[in-house]
Amino acid sequence: MARQYKTNEVKVDLASYRHYWRGEKKVGKTTLFYDMIMSLYGDASCGLELSLGNERGFKAIDGMVYDEAPTWSDLVEIVEDLIENKEDNNFKFISFDTVDERVEIAKKEVIRLDYKKSGIRHEFNACFGGFGQPRQRVQSLIDSIMTRVEDAGYGIVWIGHTKYKDVKEKIALHI
């Protein structure tokens, strides 16, 4: 029997796509998320701001629905709840604020998992034998969380920081 191929149908629904917003600190990325939710749905309960690691951008936004995940295990617990109890919330979008902090808490989780396996406290780059293994583990943890959230039917917004660098032009004189 021949394989049945699918035909894509583009959806005019922002929640059907992944979004990645980057900007300097305090430029208004978290506010943009809140404003988008209010503009699209008129109800703050349609968006969940997940404050990862040491991020606290939600504190400046009155009415924002949020939760905090200072550690990877906290993030996993929240994601499990979002998936298992989807019918109990109104969320259309989940914002992961920030990507920088998501990587940091994933790195700490890799160190924890390595210690659990080996019984030795390694620096991050030496975990699981080193040679790129720790970074692959971080990527795997992140991919798993993001895929599960998206597969559960939530739109995803990743918020990240970009570094501002003052570039000074260098003029070379050739005589």
N, C-alpha and C. Protein backbone atom coordinates (compact mmCIF):
# COMPACT_ATOMS: atom_id res chain seq x y z
N MET A 1 0.85 -1.18 0.00
CA MET A 1 0.00 0.00 0.00
C MET A 1 0.89 1.24 0.00
N ALA A 2 0.55 2.19 -0.83
CA ALA A 2 1.34 3.42 -0.95
C ALA A 2 1.17 4.29 0.29
N ARG A 3 2.21 4.97 0.61
CA ARG A 3 2.20 5.90 1.75
C ARG A 3 1.22 7.04 1.49
N GLN A 4 0.52 7.45 2.53
CA GLN A 4 -0.42 8.56 2.43
C GLN A 4 0.31 9.84 2.85
N TYR A 5 0.44 10.76 1.94
CA TYR A 5 1.13 12.02 2.23
C TYR A 5 0.13 13.07 2.67
N LYS A 6 0.61 14.03 3.42
CA LYS A 6 -0.24 15.06 3.99
C LYS A 6 -0.13 16.35 3.18
N THR A 7 -1.17 17.14 3.23
CA THR A 7 -1.15 18.46 2.61
C THR A 7 -1.24 19.49 3.71
N ASN A 8 -0.29 20.40 3.73
CA ASN A 8 -0.27 21.44 4.76
C ASN A 8 -1.33 22.49 4.48
N GLU A 9 -1.96 22.94 5.54
CA GLU A 9 -2.90 24.05 5.44
C GLU A 9 -2.44 25.13 6.40
N VAL A 10 -2.02 26.27 5.86
CA VAL A 10 -1.51 27.36 6.68
C VAL A 10 -2.64 27.92 7.53
N LYS A 11 -2.35 28.12 8.80
CA LYS A 11 -3.34 28.66 9.73
C LYS A 11 -3.04 30.12 10.00
N VAL A 12 -4.08 30.93 10.04
CA VAL A 12 -3.92 32.34 10.39
C VAL A 12 -4.21 32.44 11.89
N ASP A 13 -3.27 31.88 12.65
CA ASP A 13 -3.40 31.83 14.10
C ASP A 13 -2.00 31.89 14.68
N LEU A 14 -1.67 32.99 15.36
CA LEU A 14 -0.33 33.17 15.92
C LEU A 14 0.07 32.03 16.85
N ALA A 15 -0.90 31.41 17.53
CA ALA A 15 -0.59 30.32 18.45
C ALA A 15 -0.16 29.05 17.72
N SER A 16 -0.26 29.02 16.41
CA SER A 16 0.16 27.85 15.64
C SER A 16 1.64 27.87 15.31
N TYR A 17 2.34 28.91 15.73
CA TYR A 17 3.74 29.08 15.37
C TYR A 17 4.60 29.32 16.60
N ARG A 18 5.87 28.99 16.47
CA ARG A 18 6.85 29.29 17.52
C ARG A 18 7.35 30.71 17.31
N HIS A 19 7.55 31.41 18.41
CA HIS A 19 8.04 32.78 18.33
C HIS A 19 9.28 32.91 19.21
N TYR A 20 10.25 33.67 18.73
CA TYR A 20 11.46 33.94 19.51
C TYR A 20 11.72 35.43 19.44
N TRP A 21 11.59 36.08 20.59
CA TRP A 21 11.79 37.53 20.67
C TRP A 21 13.07 37.80 21.45
N ARG A 22 13.94 38.59 20.87
CA ARG A 22 15.17 38.99 21.55
C ARG A 22 15.26 40.49 21.63
N GLY A 23 15.82 40.95 22.72
CA GLY A 23 16.03 42.39 22.88
C GLY A 23 16.89 42.64 24.10
N GLU A 24 17.31 43.87 24.22
CA GLU A 24 18.11 44.26 25.38
C GLU A 24 17.25 44.16 26.64
N LYS A 25 17.91 44.06 27.78
CA LYS A 25 17.20 44.02 29.05
C LYS A 25 16.35 45.27 29.22
N LYS A 26 15.16 45.07 29.76
CA LYS A 26 14.23 46.14 30.12
C LYS A 26 13.69 46.94 28.93
N VAL A 27 13.71 46.32 27.74
CA VAL A 27 13.19 47.02 26.56
C VAL A 27 11.68 46.78 26.39
N GLY A 28 11.12 45.80 27.12
CA GLY A 28 9.68 45.58 27.07
C GLY A 28 9.24 44.28 26.41
N LYS A 29 10.07 43.27 26.42
CA LYS A 29 9.72 41.99 25.78
C LYS A 29 8.57 41.29 26.52
N THR A 30 8.63 41.28 27.84
CA THR A 30 7.57 40.65 28.62
C THR A 30 6.28 41.45 28.49
N THR A 31 6.39 42.75 28.47
CA THR A 31 5.22 43.61 28.25
C THR A 31 4.62 43.35 26.88
N LEU A 32 5.45 43.13 25.87
CA LEU A 32 4.97 42.81 24.53
C LEU A 32 4.15 41.52 24.56
N PHE A 33 4.61 40.53 25.32
CA PHE A 33 3.85 39.28 25.46
C PHE A 33 2.47 39.56 26.05
N TYR A 34 2.44 40.30 27.15
CA TYR A 34 1.18 40.63 27.80
C TYR A 34 0.27 41.41 26.85
N ASP A 35 0.83 42.40 26.17
CA ASP A 35 0.04 43.21 25.24
C ASP A 35 -0.50 42.37 24.09
N MET A 36 0.29 41.41 23.60
CA MET A 36 -0.17 40.54 22.53
C MET A 36 -1.36 39.71 22.99
N ILE A 37 -1.26 39.15 24.20
CA ILE A 37 -2.36 38.34 24.75
C ILE A 37 -3.62 39.18 24.87
N MET A 38 -3.48 40.38 25.40
CA MET A 38 -4.63 41.26 25.58
C MET A 38 -5.22 41.69 24.23
N SER A 39 -4.36 41.94 23.25
CA SER A 39 -4.82 42.35 21.93
C SER A 39 -5.54 41.22 21.20
N LEU A 40 -4.99 40.01 21.29
CA LEU A 40 -5.59 38.87 20.59
C LEU A 40 -6.85 38.34 21.27
N TYR A 41 -6.81 38.29 22.61
CA TYR A 41 -7.89 37.59 23.33
C TYR A 41 -8.66 38.48 24.31
N GLY A 42 -8.10 39.63 24.68
CA GLY A 42 -8.77 40.51 25.63
C GLY A 42 -8.86 39.94 27.03
N ASP A 43 -8.05 38.92 27.32
CA ASP A 43 -8.12 38.22 28.60
C ASP A 43 -6.72 37.75 28.97
N ALA A 44 -6.19 38.27 30.07
CA ALA A 44 -4.83 37.93 30.49
C ALA A 44 -4.68 36.45 30.79
N SER A 45 -5.77 35.75 31.12
CA SER A 45 -5.68 34.33 31.44
C SER A 45 -5.43 33.45 30.21
N CYS A 46 -5.31 34.05 29.05
CA CYS A 46 -5.01 33.30 27.83
C CYS A 46 -3.50 33.13 27.61
N GLY A 47 -2.69 33.77 28.45
CA GLY A 47 -1.24 33.65 28.33
C GLY A 47 -0.60 33.39 29.67
N LEU A 48 0.36 32.46 29.69
CA LEU A 48 1.10 32.17 30.91
C LEU A 48 2.55 32.58 30.72
N GLU A 49 3.02 33.45 31.59
CA GLU A 49 4.41 33.89 31.61
C GLU A 49 5.16 32.97 32.56
N LEU A 50 6.08 32.16 32.02
CA LEU A 50 6.91 31.30 32.86
C LEU A 50 8.22 32.01 33.12
N SER A 51 8.42 32.39 34.33
CA SER A 51 9.63 33.10 34.74
C SER A 51 10.67 32.05 35.13
N LEU A 52 11.72 31.93 34.32
CA LEU A 52 12.72 30.88 34.52
C LEU A 52 13.94 31.41 35.26
N GLY A 53 14.51 30.55 36.10
CA GLY A 53 15.74 30.91 36.80
C GLY A 53 15.58 32.17 37.61
N ASN A 54 16.41 33.15 37.33
CA ASN A 54 16.40 34.42 38.07
C ASN A 54 15.61 35.53 37.39
N GLU A 55 14.86 35.22 36.36
CA GLU A 55 14.10 36.24 35.63
C GLU A 55 12.86 36.63 36.44
N ARG A 56 12.55 37.93 36.48
CA ARG A 56 11.38 38.42 37.22
C ARG A 56 10.66 39.54 36.49
N GLY A 57 10.62 39.50 35.17
CA GLY A 57 10.00 40.56 34.38
C GLY A 57 8.52 40.76 34.64
N PHE A 58 7.84 39.72 35.10
CA PHE A 58 6.40 39.80 35.35
C PHE A 58 6.04 40.79 36.44
N LYS A 59 6.97 41.10 37.33
CA LYS A 59 6.66 41.96 38.48
C LYS A 59 6.25 43.37 38.08
N ALA A 60 6.57 43.79 36.88
CA ALA A 60 6.24 45.15 36.44
C ALA A 60 4.91 45.21 35.69
N ILE A 61 4.20 44.08 35.59
CA ILE A 61 3.00 44.05 34.75
C ILE A 61 1.80 43.63 35.58
N ASP A 62 0.93 44.59 35.86
CA ASP A 62 -0.27 44.34 36.64
C ASP A 62 -1.22 43.43 35.86
N GLY A 63 -1.68 42.37 36.50
CA GLY A 63 -2.65 41.47 35.88
C GLY A 63 -2.04 40.31 35.11
N MET A 64 -0.73 40.26 34.98
CA MET A 64 -0.10 39.18 34.23
C MET A 64 -0.25 37.85 34.98
N VAL A 65 -0.61 36.81 34.25
CA VAL A 65 -0.69 35.47 34.80
C VAL A 65 0.69 34.84 34.64
N TYR A 66 1.27 34.36 35.73
CA TYR A 66 2.64 33.86 35.67
C TYR A 66 2.84 32.69 36.63
N ASP A 67 3.94 32.02 36.44
CA ASP A 67 4.44 31.05 37.40
C ASP A 67 5.95 31.14 37.35
N GLU A 68 6.59 30.65 38.40
CA GLU A 68 8.05 30.74 38.49
C GLU A 68 8.66 29.34 38.50
N ALA A 69 9.74 29.19 37.74
CA ALA A 69 10.49 27.94 37.70
C ALA A 69 11.97 28.26 37.92
N PRO A 70 12.37 28.40 39.18
CA PRO A 70 13.77 28.71 39.44
C PRO A 70 14.71 27.54 39.13
N THR A 71 14.17 26.30 39.08
CA THR A 71 14.99 25.13 38.77
C THR A 71 14.34 24.32 37.65
N TRP A 72 15.14 23.41 37.08
CA TRP A 72 14.62 22.56 36.01
C TRP A 72 13.47 21.69 36.52
N SER A 73 13.59 21.16 37.73
CA SER A 73 12.51 20.31 38.25
C SER A 73 11.22 21.11 38.42
N ASP A 74 11.32 22.39 38.77
CA ASP A 74 10.13 23.24 38.84
C ASP A 74 9.50 23.39 37.46
N LEU A 75 10.34 23.59 36.45
CA LEU A 75 9.84 23.72 35.08
C LEU A 75 9.14 22.45 34.63
N VAL A 76 9.73 21.30 34.92
CA VAL A 76 9.13 20.01 34.55
C VAL A 76 7.77 19.85 35.24
N GLU A 77 7.71 20.22 36.51
CA GLU A 77 6.45 20.11 37.26
C GLU A 77 5.36 20.99 36.63
N ILE A 78 5.71 22.20 36.26
CA ILE A 78 4.74 23.11 35.64
C ILE A 78 4.28 22.56 34.29
N VAL A 79 5.23 22.08 33.48
CA VAL A 79 4.89 21.54 32.16
C VAL A 79 3.99 20.32 32.30
N GLU A 80 4.29 19.46 33.25
CA GLU A 80 3.43 18.28 33.50
C GLU A 80 2.01 18.73 33.80
N ASP A 81 1.87 19.75 34.66
CA ASP A 81 0.55 20.25 35.02
C ASP A 81 -0.16 20.86 33.80
N LEU A 82 0.59 21.62 33.00
CA LEU A 82 -0.01 22.22 31.80
C LEU A 82 -0.54 21.16 30.85
N ILE A 83 0.17 20.06 30.72
CA ILE A 83 -0.23 18.99 29.81
C ILE A 83 -1.38 18.17 30.39
N GLU A 84 -1.23 17.75 31.63
CA GLU A 84 -2.23 16.88 32.26
C GLU A 84 -3.54 17.60 32.56
N ASN A 85 -3.48 18.91 32.78
CA ASN A 85 -4.68 19.65 33.18
C ASN A 85 -5.02 20.76 32.19
N LYS A 86 -4.80 20.51 30.93
CA LYS A 86 -5.04 21.52 29.90
C LYS A 86 -6.48 22.04 29.93
N GLU A 87 -7.41 21.17 30.20
CA GLU A 87 -8.82 21.58 30.22
C GLU A 87 -9.14 22.51 31.38
N ASP A 88 -8.26 22.60 32.36
CA ASP A 88 -8.49 23.44 33.52
C ASP A 88 -7.90 24.84 33.40
N ASN A 89 -7.30 25.15 32.25
CA ASN A 89 -6.77 26.50 32.06
C ASN A 89 -7.25 27.05 30.73
N ASN A 90 -7.01 28.32 30.53
CA ASN A 90 -7.47 29.03 29.34
C ASN A 90 -6.30 29.44 28.44
N PHE A 91 -5.10 28.94 28.74
CA PHE A 91 -3.90 29.39 28.06
C PHE A 91 -3.88 29.02 26.57
N LYS A 92 -3.56 30.02 25.77
CA LYS A 92 -3.33 29.82 24.34
C LYS A 92 -1.82 29.86 24.06
N PHE A 93 -1.11 30.69 24.83
CA PHE A 93 0.34 30.88 24.69
C PHE A 93 1.03 30.66 26.03
N ILE A 94 2.24 30.10 25.93
CA ILE A 94 3.13 29.99 27.07
C ILE A 94 4.40 30.75 26.69
N SER A 95 4.81 31.67 27.55
CA SER A 95 6.03 32.43 27.32
C SER A 95 7.13 31.89 28.23
N PHE A 96 8.26 31.56 27.66
CA PHE A 96 9.43 31.11 28.42
C PHE A 96 10.40 32.29 28.52
N ASP A 97 10.48 32.86 29.70
CA ASP A 97 11.20 34.10 29.93
C ASP A 97 12.30 33.86 30.96
N THR A 98 13.50 33.75 30.61
CA THR A 98 14.13 33.97 29.32
C THR A 98 14.85 32.71 28.85
N VAL A 99 15.20 32.73 27.55
CA VAL A 99 15.97 31.64 26.97
C VAL A 99 17.30 31.50 27.70
N ASP A 100 17.90 32.63 28.04
CA ASP A 100 19.19 32.62 28.74
C ASP A 100 19.07 31.83 30.05
N GLU A 101 18.03 32.09 30.80
CA GLU A 101 17.82 31.41 32.08
C GLU A 101 17.43 29.95 31.88
N ARG A 102 16.70 29.67 30.81
CA ARG A 102 16.33 28.28 30.50
C ARG A 102 17.58 27.44 30.31
N VAL A 103 18.57 27.98 29.61
CA VAL A 103 19.83 27.27 29.40
C VAL A 103 20.56 27.09 30.72
N GLU A 104 20.58 28.12 31.56
CA GLU A 104 21.28 28.03 32.85
C GLU A 104 20.68 26.96 33.75
N ILE A 105 19.34 26.91 33.84
CA ILE A 105 18.75 25.89 34.72
C ILE A 105 18.91 24.50 34.11
N ALA A 106 18.95 24.39 32.79
CA ALA A 106 19.20 23.10 32.14
C ALA A 106 20.64 22.64 32.41
N LYS A 107 21.59 23.57 32.40
CA LYS A 107 22.99 23.21 32.70
C LYS A 107 23.10 22.68 34.13
N LYS A 108 22.42 23.33 35.06
CA LYS A 108 22.44 22.86 36.45
C LYS A 108 21.81 21.47 36.57
N GLU A 109 20.79 21.21 35.76
CA GLU A 109 20.15 19.89 35.76
C GLU A 109 21.10 18.83 35.21
N VAL A 110 21.86 19.17 34.18
CA VAL A 110 22.84 18.23 33.63
C VAL A 110 23.89 17.89 34.69
N ILE A 111 24.35 18.90 35.43
CA ILE A 111 25.32 18.66 36.50
C ILE A 111 24.71 17.74 37.56
N ARG A 112 23.45 17.98 37.90
CA ARG A 112 22.77 17.15 38.91
C ARG A 112 22.63 15.71 38.43
N LEU A 113 22.23 15.54 37.18
CA LEU A 113 22.07 14.19 36.62
C LEU A 113 23.39 13.44 36.54
N ASP A 114 24.45 14.17 36.17
CA ASP A 114 25.78 13.56 36.10
C ASP A 114 26.23 13.10 37.49
N TYR A 115 26.00 13.94 38.49
CA TYR A 115 26.38 13.58 39.86
C TYR A 115 25.59 12.36 40.34
N LYS A 116 24.31 12.33 40.00
CA LYS A 116 23.46 11.20 40.38
C LYS A 116 23.99 9.91 39.77
N LYS A 117 24.48 9.99 38.54
CA LYS A 117 24.98 8.81 37.83
C LYS A 117 26.38 8.42 38.29
N SER A 118 27.27 9.41 38.42
CA SER A 118 28.69 9.12 38.68
C SER A 118 29.08 9.19 40.15
N GLY A 119 28.34 9.96 40.94
CA GLY A 119 28.72 10.16 42.33
C GLY A 119 29.87 11.15 42.50
N ILE A 120 30.29 11.77 41.41
CA ILE A 120 31.39 12.75 41.43
C ILE A 120 30.85 14.08 40.95
N ARG A 121 31.24 15.15 41.65
CA ARG A 121 30.81 16.49 41.25
C ARG A 121 31.75 17.02 40.18
N HIS A 122 31.27 17.04 38.95
CA HIS A 122 32.06 17.54 37.83
C HIS A 122 31.66 18.97 37.49
N GLU A 123 32.57 19.70 36.89
CA GLU A 123 32.22 20.97 36.26
C GLU A 123 31.35 20.63 35.05
N PHE A 124 30.57 21.60 34.59
CA PHE A 124 29.62 21.34 33.50
C PHE A 124 30.30 20.68 32.30
N ASN A 125 31.40 21.23 31.82
CA ASN A 125 32.04 20.71 30.60
C ASN A 125 32.58 19.30 30.74
N ALA A 126 32.72 18.80 31.96
CA ALA A 126 33.22 17.44 32.18
C ALA A 126 32.10 16.43 32.42
N CYS A 127 30.87 16.88 32.53
CA CYS A 127 29.75 15.98 32.79
C CYS A 127 29.59 14.97 31.66
N PHE A 128 29.20 13.77 32.04
CA PHE A 128 28.94 12.68 31.10
C PHE A 128 30.11 12.44 30.15
N GLY A 129 31.32 12.62 30.64
CA GLY A 129 32.51 12.35 29.85
C GLY A 129 32.99 13.50 29.00
N GLY A 130 32.32 14.63 29.09
CA GLY A 130 32.75 15.82 28.33
C GLY A 130 32.59 15.65 26.83
N PHE A 131 33.47 16.28 26.07
CA PHE A 131 33.49 16.20 24.60
C PHE A 131 32.13 16.49 23.97
N GLY A 132 31.47 17.55 24.44
CA GLY A 132 30.20 17.96 23.86
C GLY A 132 28.98 17.29 24.47
N GLN A 133 29.20 16.25 25.28
CA GLN A 133 28.06 15.55 25.88
C GLN A 133 27.19 16.45 26.76
N PRO A 134 27.79 17.31 27.60
CA PRO A 134 26.93 18.16 28.43
C PRO A 134 26.02 19.07 27.59
N ARG A 135 26.55 19.63 26.53
CA ARG A 135 25.74 20.51 25.68
C ARG A 135 24.64 19.74 24.96
N GLN A 136 24.95 18.52 24.55
CA GLN A 136 23.93 17.69 23.92
C GLN A 136 22.81 17.36 24.90
N ARG A 137 23.19 17.13 26.15
CA ARG A 137 22.18 16.85 27.18
C ARG A 137 21.30 18.07 27.43
N VAL A 138 21.89 19.26 27.47
CA VAL A 138 21.12 20.50 27.63
C VAL A 138 20.14 20.63 26.48
N GLN A 139 20.61 20.44 25.26
CA GLN A 139 19.75 20.55 24.09
C GLN A 139 18.61 19.54 24.14
N SER A 140 18.91 18.33 24.57
CA SER A 140 17.89 17.29 24.67
C SER A 140 16.83 17.64 25.71
N LEU A 141 17.26 18.16 26.87
CA LEU A 141 16.30 18.57 27.90
C LEU A 141 15.38 19.67 27.37
N ILE A 142 15.97 20.67 26.75
CA ILE A 142 15.19 21.81 26.23
C ILE A 142 14.24 21.36 25.13
N ASP A 143 14.74 20.57 24.19
CA ASP A 143 13.90 20.09 23.09
C ASP A 143 12.70 19.30 23.61
N SER A 144 12.94 18.48 24.61
CA SER A 144 11.87 17.66 25.18
C SER A 144 10.76 18.52 25.77
N ILE A 145 11.14 19.51 26.55
CA ILE A 145 10.14 20.40 27.18
C ILE A 145 9.37 21.17 26.11
N MET A 146 10.09 21.77 25.17
CA MET A 146 9.43 22.59 24.15
C MET A 146 8.49 21.75 23.27
N THR A 147 8.92 20.57 22.90
CA THR A 147 8.10 19.71 22.05
C THR A 147 6.84 19.28 22.79
N ARG A 148 6.98 18.95 24.06
CA ARG A 148 5.81 18.52 24.83
C ARG A 148 4.80 19.65 24.98
N VAL A 149 5.27 20.86 25.22
CA VAL A 149 4.36 22.01 25.36
C VAL A 149 3.66 22.28 24.04
N GLU A 150 4.41 22.28 22.96
CA GLU A 150 3.82 22.53 21.65
C GLU A 150 2.84 21.42 21.25
N ASP A 151 3.22 20.16 21.50
CA ASP A 151 2.35 19.04 21.16
C ASP A 151 1.05 19.05 21.97
N ALA A 152 1.09 19.68 23.14
CA ALA A 152 -0.12 19.79 23.96
C ALA A 152 -1.08 20.85 23.42
N GLY A 153 -0.62 21.62 22.42
CA GLY A 153 -1.51 22.58 21.77
C GLY A 153 -1.34 24.02 22.20
N TYR A 154 -0.26 24.32 22.89
CA TYR A 154 0.00 25.70 23.30
C TYR A 154 0.91 26.39 22.29
N GLY A 155 0.66 27.68 22.08
CA GLY A 155 1.60 28.50 21.32
C GLY A 155 2.78 28.81 22.21
N ILE A 156 3.95 28.96 21.62
CA ILE A 156 5.17 29.19 22.40
C ILE A 156 5.81 30.51 22.01
N VAL A 157 6.19 31.27 23.04
CA VAL A 157 7.00 32.47 22.85
C VAL A 157 8.25 32.31 23.70
N TRP A 158 9.40 32.32 23.06
CA TRP A 158 10.67 32.33 23.77
C TRP A 158 11.13 33.76 23.83
N ILE A 159 11.52 34.20 25.01
CA ILE A 159 12.04 35.55 25.17
C ILE A 159 13.51 35.44 25.56
N GLY A 160 14.34 36.21 24.88
CA GLY A 160 15.77 36.16 25.16
C GLY A 160 16.38 37.54 25.17
N HIS A 161 17.57 37.60 25.71
CA HIS A 161 18.30 38.87 25.76
C HIS A 161 19.33 38.92 24.64
N THR A 162 19.48 40.07 24.10
CA THR A 162 20.58 40.31 23.18
C THR A 162 21.52 41.28 23.89
N LYS A 163 22.75 41.13 23.62
CA LYS A 163 23.74 41.98 24.28
C LYS A 163 23.97 43.23 23.44
N TYR A 164 23.95 44.37 24.10
CA TYR A 164 24.23 45.61 23.42
C TYR A 164 25.73 45.82 23.43
N LYS A 165 26.28 46.01 22.28
CA LYS A 165 27.72 46.27 22.19
C LYS A 165 27.93 47.55 21.41
N ASP A 166 28.61 48.46 22.03
CA ASP A 166 28.91 49.73 21.39
C ASP A 166 30.09 49.50 20.44
N VAL A 167 29.81 49.53 19.16
CA VAL A 167 30.85 49.30 18.17
C VAL A 167 31.51 50.63 17.82
N LYS A 168 32.79 50.65 17.95
CA LYS A 168 33.54 51.85 17.60
C LYS A 168 34.30 51.57 16.31
N GLU A 169 34.04 52.41 15.37
CA GLU A 169 34.71 52.27 14.07
C GLU A 169 36.20 52.54 14.22
N LYS A 170 36.98 51.71 13.57
CA LYS A 170 38.41 51.91 13.57
C LYS A 170 38.80 52.41 12.19
N ILE A 171 39.52 53.48 12.18
CA ILE A 171 39.94 54.06 10.92
C ILE A 171 41.43 53.75 10.73
N ALA A 172 41.70 53.16 9.63
CA ALA A 172 43.11 52.83 9.34
C ALA A 172 43.61 53.81 8.27
N LEU A 173 44.73 54.38 8.54
CA LEU A 173 45.35 55.28 7.57
C LEU A 173 46.43 54.53 6.82
N HIS A 174 46.31 54.54 5.54
CA HIS A 174 47.32 53.89 4.71
C HIS A 174 48.06 54.97 3.93
N ILE A 175 49.32 55.08 4.20
CA ILE A 175 50.11 56.11 3.53
C ILE A 175 51.10 55.45 2.59
